[in-house]
């Protein structure tokens, strides 16, 4: 595995993320990806070989295993990690696209031309929407995979003994799962980290929308203050001065008269 390439991608994602996004990335990388690479492969291993039923009927073992484990747990978790990290990479690609577009614009019109973007890294315009929809996508992916986990494994979370009566089993047979306690711990760990990531992403969505709303409202109030200052602090014309002086002249004439 090319760890240098992975480090470059993660540093780019971390650079354009908010504080909540950086915490989310640390949890995904340390508590999900590394745990998956280091521990889960050894915990599950050859799961079908360790799945034992108290019958030698040909085909019964395979049918019962497929009934209780239609999708391998490790493949389900790997698919979830792939889908949940792709949106963050899309944000990095969008920033790279903006930088390349700005570079071509400067080559075409010169270094002192008006730039296309005030700051290519700042989340404004299309980049803001890309980041916002990436957050919604991550919430959806984590929620769907947690639902699939409960739906596929029926929220039993690996009991020591399961009963199977599928064809071609001669009757209801008992099947035994290898290392059920270990599997239960890692399954609960996966669910908890998924919910933590969903919570962090929701906080980031509210933070992003709140910050944008505050900037819009603050910008409008700033413009209103500038307009009021220009109206009150505008220089007085000669006509205004004459209009102000006319009453004083009339008063002096009346006094003299």
C-alpha atoms as a PDB file:
ATOM      1  CA  UNK A   1       0.000   0.000   0.000  1.00  0.00           C
ATOM      2  CA  UNK A   2       1.315   3.452  -0.972  1.00  0.00           C
ATOM      3  CA  UNK A   3       1.187   5.301   2.341  1.00  0.00           C
ATOM      4  CA  UNK A   4       2.732   8.447   0.817  1.00  0.00           C
ATOM      5  CA  UNK A   5      -0.142   8.778  -1.644  1.00  0.00           C
ATOM      6  CA  UNK A   6      -2.650   8.191   1.155  1.00  0.00           C
ATOM      7  CA  UNK A   7      -0.912  10.784   3.337  1.00  0.00           C
ATOM      8  CA  UNK A   8      -1.099  13.331   0.517  1.00  0.00           C
ATOM      9  CA  UNK A   9      -4.812  12.742   0.039  1.00  0.00           C
ATOM     10  CA  UNK A  10      -5.529  12.961   3.763  1.00  0.00           C
ATOM     11  CA  UNK A  11      -3.512  16.159   4.149  1.00  0.00           C
ATOM     12  CA  UNK A  12      -5.443  17.735   1.276  1.00  0.00           C
ATOM     13  CA  UNK A  13      -8.783  16.717   2.779  1.00  0.00           C
ATOM     14  CA  UNK A  14      -7.696  17.964   6.217  1.00  0.00           C
ATOM     15  CA  UNK A  15      -6.605  21.324   4.771  1.00  0.00           C
ATOM     16  CA  UNK A  16     -10.002  22.186   3.291  1.00  0.00           C
ATOM     17  CA  UNK A  17     -12.125  20.846   6.159  1.00  0.00           C
ATOM     18  CA  UNK A  18     -13.585  22.639   9.156  1.00  0.00           C
ATOM     19  CA  UNK A  19     -12.716  21.715  12.761  1.00  0.00           C
ATOM     20  CA  UNK A  20     -15.538  19.156  12.840  1.00  0.00           C
ATOM     21  CA  UNK A  21     -14.333  17.727   9.544  1.00  0.00           C
ATOM     22  CA  UNK A  22     -10.814  17.251  10.906  1.00  0.00           C
ATOM     23  CA  UNK A  23     -12.146  15.389  13.940  1.00  0.00           C
ATOM     24  CA  UNK A  24     -14.298  13.256  11.635  1.00  0.00           C
ATOM     25  CA  UNK A  25     -11.292  12.443   9.462  1.00  0.00           C
ATOM     26  CA  UNK A  26      -9.200  11.442  12.498  1.00  0.00           C
ATOM     27  CA  UNK A  27     -11.948   9.104  13.734  1.00  0.00           C
ATOM     28  CA  UNK A  28     -12.376   7.529  10.292  1.00  0.00           C
ATOM     29  CA  UNK A  29      -8.651   7.039   9.806  1.00  0.00           C
ATOM     30  CA  UNK A  30      -7.702   5.848  13.318  1.00  0.00           C
ATOM     31  CA  UNK A  31     -10.794   4.166  14.737  1.00  0.00           C
ATOM     32  CA  UNK A  32     -12.239   2.741  11.548  1.00  0.00           C
ATOM     33  CA  UNK A  33      -9.633   2.288   8.820  1.00  0.00           C
ATOM     34  CA  UNK A  34      -6.701   1.211  10.996  1.00  0.00           C
ATOM     35  CA  UNK A  35      -8.880  -1.027  13.183  1.00  0.00           C
ATOM     36  CA  UNK A  36     -10.267  -2.611  10.037  1.00  0.00           C
ATOM     37  CA  UNK A  37      -6.812  -3.217   8.539  1.00  0.00           C
ATOM     38  CA  UNK A  38      -5.150  -4.419  11.744  1.00  0.00           C
ATOM     39  CA  UNK A  39      -7.833  -6.337  13.633  1.00  0.00           C
ATOM     40  CA  UNK A  40     -10.911  -7.195  11.627  1.00  0.00           C
ATOM     41  CA  UNK A  41      -9.223  -9.319   8.979  1.00  0.00           C
ATOM     42  CA  UNK A  42      -7.724 -11.489  11.720  1.00  0.00           C
ATOM     43  CA  UNK A  43     -10.952 -11.659  13.716  1.00  0.00           C
ATOM     44  CA  UNK A  44     -13.044 -12.826  10.793  1.00  0.00           C
ATOM     45  CA  UNK A  45     -10.475 -14.632   8.620  1.00  0.00           C
ATOM     46  CA  UNK A  46     -11.937 -17.644   6.849  1.00  0.00           C
ATOM     47  CA  UNK A  47     -15.376 -17.287   8.376  1.00  0.00           C
ATOM     48  CA  UNK A  48     -17.097 -19.921   6.282  1.00  0.00           C
ATOM     49  CA  UNK A  49     -14.546 -22.546   7.247  1.00  0.00           C
ATOM     50  CA  UNK A  50     -15.076 -21.834  10.973  1.00  0.00           C
ATOM     51  CA  UNK A  51     -18.872 -21.908  10.652  1.00  0.00           C
ATOM     52  CA  UNK A  52     -19.725 -25.415  11.946  1.00  0.00           C
ATOM     53  CA  UNK A  53     -23.089 -27.222  11.878  1.00  0.00           C
ATOM     54  CA  UNK A  54     -23.955 -30.477  13.683  1.00  0.00           C
ATOM     55  CA  UNK A  55     -24.762 -32.340  10.466  1.00  0.00           C
ATOM     56  CA  UNK A  56     -22.802 -33.766   7.544  1.00  0.00           C
ATOM     57  CA  UNK A  57     -25.609 -33.393   5.034  1.00  0.00           C
ATOM     58  CA  UNK A  58     -24.002 -32.147   1.782  1.00  0.00           C
ATOM     59  CA  UNK A  59     -24.927 -28.528   1.054  1.00  0.00           C
ATOM     60  CA  UNK A  60     -26.492 -27.831   4.449  1.00  0.00           C
ATOM     61  CA  UNK A  61     -23.401 -26.050   5.750  1.00  0.00           C
ATOM     62  CA  UNK A  62     -23.177 -23.713   2.752  1.00  0.00           C
ATOM     63  CA  UNK A  63     -26.889 -22.925   2.730  1.00  0.00           C
ATOM     64  CA  UNK A  64     -26.987 -22.110   6.450  1.00  0.00           C
ATOM     65  CA  UNK A  65     -23.916 -19.925   6.189  1.00  0.00           C
ATOM     66  CA  UNK A  66     -25.404 -18.004   3.254  1.00  0.00           C
ATOM     67  CA  UNK A  67     -28.671 -17.607   5.158  1.00  0.00           C
ATOM     68  CA  UNK A  68     -27.072 -15.970   8.194  1.00  0.00           C
ATOM     69  CA  UNK A  69     -24.186 -14.203   6.418  1.00  0.00           C
ATOM     70  CA  UNK A  70     -25.420 -13.110   2.970  1.00  0.00           C
ATOM     71  CA  UNK A  71     -22.711 -10.408   2.894  1.00  0.00           C
ATOM     72  CA  UNK A  72     -19.303 -10.789   4.484  1.00  0.00           C
ATOM     73  CA  UNK A  73     -18.913  -8.390   7.391  1.00  0.00           C
ATOM     74  CA  UNK A  74     -15.434  -7.240   6.339  1.00  0.00           C
ATOM     75  CA  UNK A  75     -16.570  -6.511   2.773  1.00  0.00           C
ATOM     76  CA  UNK A  76     -19.557  -4.551   4.070  1.00  0.00           C
ATOM     77  CA  UNK A  77     -17.339  -2.410   6.287  1.00  0.00           C
ATOM     78  CA  UNK A  78     -14.779  -1.915   3.473  1.00  0.00           C
ATOM     79  CA  UNK A  79     -17.545  -0.791   1.116  1.00  0.00           C
ATOM     80  CA  UNK A  80     -18.805   1.649   3.736  1.00  0.00           C
ATOM     81  CA  UNK A  81     -15.331   3.161   4.206  1.00  0.00           C
ATOM     82  CA  UNK A  82     -14.900   3.594   0.447  1.00  0.00           C
ATOM     83  CA  UNK A  83     -18.240   5.325  -0.019  1.00  0.00           C
ATOM     84  CA  UNK A  84     -17.926   7.540   3.060  1.00  0.00           C
ATOM     85  CA  UNK A  85     -14.462   8.879   2.139  1.00  0.00           C
ATOM     86  CA  UNK A  86     -15.088   9.532  -1.579  1.00  0.00           C
ATOM     87  CA  UNK A  87     -16.989  12.848  -1.054  1.00  0.00           C
ATOM     88  CA  UNK A  88     -14.036  14.350   0.830  1.00  0.00           C
ATOM     89  CA  UNK A  89     -11.770  13.525  -2.098  1.00  0.00           C
ATOM     90  CA  UNK A  90     -14.246  15.209  -4.459  1.00  0.00           C
ATOM     91  CA  UNK A  91     -13.835  18.434  -2.463  1.00  0.00           C
ATOM     92  CA  UNK A  92     -10.062  18.200  -2.944  1.00  0.00           C
ATOM     93  CA  UNK A  93     -10.529  17.610  -6.676  1.00  0.00           C
ATOM     94  CA  UNK A  94     -12.831  20.635  -6.895  1.00  0.00           C
ATOM     95  CA  UNK A  95     -10.185  22.825  -5.263  1.00  0.00           C
ATOM     96  CA  UNK A  96      -7.576  21.479  -7.699  1.00  0.00           C
ATOM     97  CA  UNK A  97      -9.911  22.281 -10.588  1.00  0.00           C
ATOM     98  CA  UNK A  98     -10.312  25.875  -9.370  1.00  0.00           C
ATOM     99  CA  UNK A  99      -6.536  26.306  -9.011  1.00  0.00           C
ATOM    100  CA  UNK A 100      -5.931  24.958 -12.508  1.00  0.00           C
ATOM    101  CA  UNK A 101      -8.606  27.230 -13.950  1.00  0.00           C
ATOM    102  CA  UNK A 102      -7.070  30.234 -12.171  1.00  0.00           C
ATOM    103  CA  UNK A 103      -3.613  29.306 -13.493  1.00  0.00           C
ATOM    104  CA  UNK A 104      -4.843  29.115 -17.099  1.00  0.00           C
ATOM    105  CA  UNK A 105      -6.657  32.427 -16.657  1.00  0.00           C
ATOM    106  CA  UNK A 106      -3.451  34.134 -15.503  1.00  0.00           C
ATOM    107  CA  UNK A 107      -1.458  32.609 -18.360  1.00  0.00           C
ATOM    108  CA  UNK A 108      -3.982  33.932 -20.841  1.00  0.00           C
ATOM    109  CA  UNK A 109      -4.521  37.456 -19.482  1.00  0.00           C
ATOM    110  CA  UNK A 110      -1.322  38.074 -17.504  1.00  0.00           C
ATOM    111  CA  UNK A 111      -0.357  38.054 -13.853  1.00  0.00           C
ATOM    112  CA  UNK A 112      -1.991  41.423 -13.102  1.00  0.00           C
ATOM    113  CA  UNK A 113      -5.415  40.532 -14.478  1.00  0.00           C
ATOM    114  CA  UNK A 114      -8.572  40.366 -12.372  1.00  0.00           C
ATOM    115  CA  UNK A 115      -8.598  36.881 -10.729  1.00  0.00           C
ATOM    116  CA  UNK A 116     -11.489  34.491 -11.196  1.00  0.00           C
ATOM    117  CA  UNK A 117     -11.553  33.632  -7.483  1.00  0.00           C
ATOM    118  CA  UNK A 118     -10.663  35.787  -4.506  1.00  0.00           C
ATOM    119  CA  UNK A 119      -9.358  32.645  -2.788  1.00  0.00           C
ATOM    120  CA  UNK A 120      -9.420  29.257  -4.513  1.00  0.00           C
ATOM    121  CA  UNK A 121      -9.318  27.417  -1.165  1.00  0.00           C
ATOM    122  CA  UNK A 122     -12.202  29.312   0.410  1.00  0.00           C
ATOM    123  CA  UNK A 123     -15.584  27.595   0.439  1.00  0.00           C
ATOM    124  CA  UNK A 124     -17.591  30.000  -1.712  1.00  0.00           C
ATOM    125  CA  UNK A 125     -19.861  29.502  -4.692  1.00  0.00           C
ATOM    126  CA  UNK A 126     -19.714  26.052  -6.241  1.00  0.00           C
ATOM    127  CA  UNK A 127     -17.105  24.795  -3.767  1.00  0.00           C
ATOM    128  CA  UNK A 128     -19.433  25.597  -0.861  1.00  0.00           C
ATOM    129  CA  UNK A 129     -22.205  23.528  -2.444  1.00  0.00           C
ATOM    130  CA  UNK A 130     -19.805  20.679  -3.224  1.00  0.00           C
ATOM    131  CA  UNK A 131     -18.708  20.606   0.412  1.00  0.00           C
ATOM    132  CA  UNK A 132     -22.296  20.856   1.668  1.00  0.00           C
ATOM    133  CA  UNK A 133     -23.578  17.998  -0.500  1.00  0.00           C
ATOM    134  CA  UNK A 134     -20.537  15.891   0.426  1.00  0.00           C
ATOM    135  CA  UNK A 135     -21.584  16.184   4.077  1.00  0.00           C
ATOM    136  CA  UNK A 136     -25.143  15.116   3.272  1.00  0.00           C
ATOM    137  CA  UNK A 137     -23.809  12.182   1.260  1.00  0.00           C
ATOM    138  CA  UNK A 138     -21.609  11.022   4.146  1.00  0.00           C
ATOM    139  CA  UNK A 139     -24.540  11.144   6.561  1.00  0.00           C
ATOM    140  CA  UNK A 140     -26.663   9.136   4.131  1.00  0.00           C
ATOM    141  CA  UNK A 141     -23.959   6.516   3.547  1.00  0.00           C
ATOM    142  CA  UNK A 142     -23.318   5.916   7.248  1.00  0.00           C
ATOM    143  CA  UNK A 143     -27.043   5.774   7.993  1.00  0.00           C
ATOM    144  CA  UNK A 144     -27.748   3.329   5.144  1.00  0.00           C
ATOM    145  CA  UNK A 145     -24.922   0.987   6.122  1.00  0.00           C
ATOM    146  CA  UNK A 146     -25.958   0.937   9.782  1.00  0.00           C
ATOM    147  CA  UNK A 147     -29.481   0.085   8.644  1.00  0.00           C
ATOM    148  CA  UNK A 148     -28.133  -2.673   6.372  1.00  0.00           C
ATOM    149  CA  UNK A 149     -26.128  -4.073   9.255  1.00  0.00           C
ATOM    150  CA  UNK A 150     -29.242  -4.381  11.423  1.00  0.00           C
ATOM    151  CA  UNK A 151     -31.307  -5.643   8.482  1.00  0.00           C
ATOM    152  CA  UNK A 152     -28.851  -8.273   7.264  1.00  0.00           C
ATOM    153  CA  UNK A 153     -27.800  -9.641  10.647  1.00  0.00           C
ATOM    154  CA  UNK A 154     -31.238  -9.042  12.188  1.00  0.00           C
ATOM    155  CA  UNK A 155     -29.704  -7.214  15.173  1.00  0.00           C
ATOM    156  CA  UNK A 156     -28.642 -10.536  16.709  1.00  0.00           C
ATOM    157  CA  UNK A 157     -24.973  -9.531  16.623  1.00  0.00           C
ATOM    158  CA  UNK A 158     -23.514 -13.018  16.385  1.00  0.00           C
ATOM    159  CA  UNK A 159     -25.081 -15.306  18.969  1.00  0.00           C
ATOM    160  CA  UNK A 160     -23.000 -18.385  19.840  1.00  0.00           C
ATOM    161  CA  UNK A 161     -25.565 -20.792  18.378  1.00  0.00           C
ATOM    162  CA  UNK A 162     -27.967 -20.268  15.473  1.00  0.00           C
ATOM    163  CA  UNK A 163     -30.649 -22.674  14.291  1.00  0.00           C
ATOM    164  CA  UNK A 164     -31.069 -23.426  10.604  1.00  0.00           C
ATOM    165  CA  UNK A 165     -33.817 -25.356   8.841  1.00  0.00           C
ATOM    166  CA  UNK A 166     -33.062 -24.485   5.217  1.00  0.00           C
ATOM    167  CA  UNK A 167     -33.029 -27.048   2.432  1.00  0.00           C
ATOM    168  CA  UNK A 168     -31.234 -29.455   2.004  1.00  0.00           C
ATOM    169  CA  UNK A 169     -30.794 -29.758   5.780  1.00  0.00           C
ATOM    170  CA  UNK A 170     -32.672 -32.851   7.007  1.00  0.00           C
ATOM    171  CA  UNK A 171     -34.165 -30.959   9.994  1.00  0.00           C
ATOM    172  CA  UNK A 172     -33.504 -27.942  12.189  1.00  0.00           C
ATOM    173  CA  UNK A 173     -29.788 -28.077  12.942  1.00  0.00           C
ATOM    174  CA  UNK A 174     -27.581 -26.095  15.302  1.00  0.00           C
ATOM    175  CA  UNK A 175     -24.734 -24.089  13.776  1.00  0.00           C
ATOM    176  CA  UNK A 176     -21.903 -22.507  15.718  1.00  0.00           C
ATOM    177  CA  UNK A 177     -20.189 -19.212  14.925  1.00  0.00           C
ATOM    178  CA  UNK A 178     -16.472 -18.930  15.595  1.00  0.00           C
ATOM    179  CA  UNK A 179     -15.403 -16.263  18.118  1.00  0.00           C
ATOM    180  CA  UNK A 180     -18.907 -14.762  18.583  1.00  0.00           C
ATOM    181  CA  UNK A 181     -17.906 -12.477  21.487  1.00  0.00           C
ATOM    182  CA  UNK A 182     -15.052 -10.947  19.512  1.00  0.00           C
ATOM    183  CA  UNK A 183     -17.302 -10.374  16.523  1.00  0.00           C
ATOM    184  CA  UNK A 184     -19.976  -8.803  18.707  1.00  0.00           C
ATOM    185  CA  UNK A 185     -17.465  -6.352  20.199  1.00  0.00           C
ATOM    186  CA  UNK A 186     -16.228  -5.236  16.793  1.00  0.00           C
ATOM    187  CA  UNK A 187     -19.779  -4.954  15.466  1.00  0.00           C
ATOM    188  CA  UNK A 188     -20.823  -2.715  18.356  1.00  0.00           C
ATOM    189  CA  UNK A 189     -17.628  -0.727  17.829  1.00  0.00           C
ATOM    190  CA  UNK A 190     -18.515  -0.212  14.165  1.00  0.00           C
ATOM    191  CA  UNK A 191     -22.031   0.960  14.984  1.00  0.00           C
ATOM    192  CA  UNK A 192     -20.834   3.377  17.695  1.00  0.00           C
ATOM    193  CA  UNK A 193     -18.155   4.946  15.475  1.00  0.00           C
ATOM    194  CA  UNK A 194     -20.675   5.281  12.644  1.00  0.00           C
ATOM    195  CA  UNK A 195     -23.083   7.152  14.910  1.00  0.00           C
ATOM    196  CA  UNK A 196     -20.258   9.367  16.186  1.00  0.00           C
ATOM    197  CA  UNK A 197     -19.321  10.220  12.597  1.00  0.00           C
ATOM    198  CA  UNK A 198     -22.974  10.972  11.774  1.00  0.00           C
ATOM    199  CA  UNK A 199     -23.181  13.296  14.794  1.00  0.00           C
ATOM    200  CA  UNK A 200     -19.971  15.106  13.837  1.00  0.00           C
ATOM    201  CA  UNK A 201     -21.133  15.528  10.252  1.00  0.00           C
ATOM    202  CA  UNK A 202     -24.473  16.924  11.422  1.00  0.00           C
ATOM    203  CA  UNK A 203     -22.623  19.416  13.631  1.00  0.00           C
ATOM    204  CA  UNK A 204     -20.505  20.397  10.631  1.00  0.00           C
ATOM    205  CA  UNK A 205     -23.622  20.924   8.486  1.00  0.00           C
ATOM    206  CA  UNK A 206     -25.164  23.227  11.113  1.00  0.00           C
ATOM    207  CA  UNK A 207     -21.856  25.034  11.589  1.00  0.00           C
ATOM    208  CA  UNK A 208     -21.403  25.543   7.841  1.00  0.00           C
ATOM    209  CA  UNK A 209     -24.952  26.809   7.302  1.00  0.00           C
ATOM    210  CA  UNK A 210     -24.853  28.994  10.415  1.00  0.00           C
ATOM    211  CA  UNK A 211     -21.544  30.546   9.417  1.00  0.00           C
ATOM    212  CA  UNK A 212     -22.790  31.250   5.919  1.00  0.00           C
ATOM    213  CA  UNK A 213     -26.002  32.792   7.233  1.00  0.00           C
ATOM    214  CA  UNK A 214     -24.068  34.932   9.711  1.00  0.00           C
ATOM    215  CA  UNK A 215     -21.759  36.191   6.945  1.00  0.00           C
ATOM    216  CA  UNK A 216     -24.715  37.063   4.709  1.00  0.00           C
ATOM    217  CA  UNK A 217     -26.550  38.909   7.486  1.00  0.00           C
ATOM    218  CA  UNK A 218     -23.340  40.591   8.638  1.00  0.00           C
ATOM    219  CA  UNK A 219     -22.542  41.685   5.077  1.00  0.00           C
ATOM    220  CA  UNK A 220     -25.966  43.253   4.632  1.00  0.00           C
ATOM    221  CA  UNK A 221     -25.787  45.101   7.953  1.00  0.00           C
ATOM    222  CA  UNK A 222     -22.311  46.342   7.013  1.00  0.00           C
ATOM    223  CA  UNK A 223     -23.626  47.689   3.714  1.00  0.00           C
ATOM    224  CA  UNK A 224     -26.493  49.400   5.517  1.00  0.00           C
ATOM    225  CA  UNK A 225     -24.072  51.033   7.945  1.00  0.00           C
ATOM    226  CA  UNK A 226     -21.909  52.230   5.066  1.00  0.00           C
ATOM    227  CA  UNK A 227     -24.901  53.678   3.232  1.00  0.00           C
ATOM    228  CA  UNK A 228     -26.133  55.489   6.361  1.00  0.00           C
ATOM    229  CA  UNK A 229     -22.658  56.869   6.988  1.00  0.00           C
ATOM    230  CA  UNK A 230     -22.404  58.144   3.425  1.00  0.00           C
ATOM    231  CA  UNK A 231     -25.800  59.846   3.748  1.00  0.00           C
ATOM    232  CA  UNK A 232     -25.022  61.518   7.074  1.00  0.00           C
ATOM    233  CA  UNK A 233     -21.410  62.367   6.318  1.00  0.00           C
ATOM    234  CA  UNK A 234     -21.889  63.671   2.755  1.00  0.00           C
ATOM    235  CA  UNK A 235     -20.309  67.116   2.029  1.00  0.00           C
ATOM    236  CA  UNK A 236     -22.724  70.021   1.937  1.00  0.00           C
ATOM    237  CA  UNK A 237     -23.223  71.872  -1.335  1.00  0.00           C
ATOM    238  CA  UNK A 238     -23.160  75.597  -1.858  1.00  0.00           C
ATOM    239  CA  UNK A 239     -26.942  75.751  -2.203  1.00  0.00           C
ATOM    240  CA  UNK A 240     -27.378  74.201   1.200  1.00  0.00           C
ATOM    241  CA  UNK A 241     -25.021  76.802   2.678  1.00  0.00           C
ATOM    242  CA  UNK A 242     -26.934  79.651   1.033  1.00  0.00           C
ATOM    243  CA  UNK A 243     -30.222  78.246   2.249  1.00  0.00           C
ATOM    244  CA  UNK A 244     -28.873  78.151   5.757  1.00  0.00           C
ATOM    245  CA  UNK A 245     -27.531  81.708   5.513  1.00  0.00           C
ATOM    246  CA  UNK A 246     -30.746  83.284   4.202  1.00  0.00           C
ATOM    247  CA  UNK A 247     -32.631  83.254   7.543  1.00  0.00           C
ATOM    248  CA  UNK A 248     -29.690  84.863   9.282  1.00  0.00           C
ATOM    249  CA  UNK A 249     -29.604  87.688   6.677  1.00  0.00           C
ATOM    250  CA  UNK A 250     -33.316  88.269   7.082  1.00  0.00           C
ATOM    251  CA  UNK A 251     -32.922  88.464  10.836  1.00  0.00           C
ATOM    252  CA  UNK A 252     -30.094  91.012  10.549  1.00  0.00           C
ATOM    253  CA  UNK A 253     -32.143  93.183   8.188  1.00  0.00           C
ATOM    254  CA  UNK A 254     -35.069  93.117  10.563  1.00  0.00           C
ATOM    255  CA  UNK A 255     -32.816  94.141  13.447  1.00  0.00           C
ATOM    256  CA  UNK A 256     -31.220  96.936  11.454  1.00  0.00           C
ATOM    257  CA  UNK A 257     -34.576  98.061  10.215  1.00  0.00           C
END
